[in-house]
């Protein structure tokens, strides 16, 4: 769990994919939009992720 939180705090990580972490690509929505969606759908305390 701690490793996952550390990875989610990486600025290049914008969400979780079926196979692992999703990174921002040119054809994706803006990273901030993806981070907001992750926060909205995340069920664990947000103070540990995407700060």
C-alpha atoms as a PDB file:
ATOM      1  CA  UNK A   1       0.000   0.000   0.000  1.00  0.00           C
ATOM      2  CA  UNK A   2       2.777   2.441   0.875  1.00  0.00           C
ATOM      3  CA  UNK A   3       4.481   1.729  -2.455  1.00  0.00           C
ATOM      4  CA  UNK A   4       1.252   2.475  -4.319  1.00  0.00           C
ATOM      5  CA  UNK A   5       0.833   5.769  -2.448  1.00  0.00           C
ATOM      6  CA  UNK A   6       4.417   6.732  -3.283  1.00  0.00           C
ATOM      7  CA  UNK A   7       3.845   5.954  -6.951  1.00  0.00           C
ATOM      8  CA  UNK A   8       0.614   7.951  -7.019  1.00  0.00           C
ATOM      9  CA  UNK A   9       2.454  10.971  -5.624  1.00  0.00           C
ATOM     10  CA  UNK A  10       4.685  10.975  -8.724  1.00  0.00           C
ATOM     11  CA  UNK A  11       3.676  14.021 -10.815  1.00  0.00           C
ATOM     12  CA  UNK A  12       3.705  11.968 -14.023  1.00  0.00           C
ATOM     13  CA  UNK A  13       1.122   9.490 -12.680  1.00  0.00           C
ATOM     14  CA  UNK A  14      -2.420  10.645 -13.362  1.00  0.00           C
ATOM     15  CA  UNK A  15      -4.485   7.563 -12.592  1.00  0.00           C
ATOM     16  CA  UNK A  16      -4.730   3.796 -12.316  1.00  0.00           C
ATOM     17  CA  UNK A  17      -5.156   1.593 -15.348  1.00  0.00           C
ATOM     18  CA  UNK A  18      -6.258  -2.009 -15.698  1.00  0.00           C
ATOM     19  CA  UNK A  19      -2.628  -3.110 -15.844  1.00  0.00           C
ATOM     20  CA  UNK A  20      -1.154  -0.601 -13.407  1.00  0.00           C
ATOM     21  CA  UNK A  21      -0.397   3.105 -13.312  1.00  0.00           C
ATOM     22  CA  UNK A  22      -1.497   5.391 -16.147  1.00  0.00           C
ATOM     23  CA  UNK A  23       0.791   8.169 -17.276  1.00  0.00           C
ATOM     24  CA  UNK A  24      -0.193  11.277 -19.190  1.00  0.00           C
ATOM     25  CA  UNK A  25      -0.026  11.024 -22.991  1.00  0.00           C
ATOM     26  CA  UNK A  26      -0.625  13.789 -25.548  1.00  0.00           C
ATOM     27  CA  UNK A  27      -4.016  12.393 -26.655  1.00  0.00           C
ATOM     28  CA  UNK A  28      -5.358  12.060 -23.080  1.00  0.00           C
ATOM     29  CA  UNK A  29      -7.242  14.722 -21.115  1.00  0.00           C
ATOM     30  CA  UNK A  30      -5.053  17.183 -19.239  1.00  0.00           C
ATOM     31  CA  UNK A  31      -3.217  15.663 -16.241  1.00  0.00           C
ATOM     32  CA  UNK A  32      -5.173  17.829 -13.797  1.00  0.00           C
ATOM     33  CA  UNK A  33      -8.474  16.528 -15.205  1.00  0.00           C
ATOM     34  CA  UNK A  34      -7.266  12.947 -14.845  1.00  0.00           C
ATOM     35  CA  UNK A  35      -6.081  13.577 -11.278  1.00  0.00           C
ATOM     36  CA  UNK A  36      -9.480  15.058 -10.379  1.00  0.00           C
ATOM     37  CA  UNK A  37     -11.199  11.957 -11.752  1.00  0.00           C
ATOM     38  CA  UNK A  38      -8.852   9.717  -9.758  1.00  0.00           C
ATOM     39  CA  UNK A  39      -9.578  11.651  -6.565  1.00  0.00           C
ATOM     40  CA  UNK A  40     -13.322  11.473  -7.251  1.00  0.00           C
ATOM     41  CA  UNK A  41     -13.265   7.692  -7.751  1.00  0.00           C
ATOM     42  CA  UNK A  42     -10.690   6.816  -5.062  1.00  0.00           C
ATOM     43  CA  UNK A  43     -12.184   5.194  -1.941  1.00  0.00           C
ATOM     44  CA  UNK A  44      -9.146   5.579   0.350  1.00  0.00           C
ATOM     45  CA  UNK A  45      -8.249   8.800   2.178  1.00  0.00           C
ATOM     46  CA  UNK A  46      -7.078  11.340  -0.411  1.00  0.00           C
ATOM     47  CA  UNK A  47      -4.591  13.028   1.893  1.00  0.00           C
ATOM     48  CA  UNK A  48      -2.158  10.261   0.941  1.00  0.00           C
ATOM     49  CA  UNK A  49      -2.481  10.586  -2.828  1.00  0.00           C
ATOM     50  CA  UNK A  50      -2.366  13.163  -5.578  1.00  0.00           C
ATOM     51  CA  UNK A  51      -1.343  16.069  -3.411  1.00  0.00           C
END
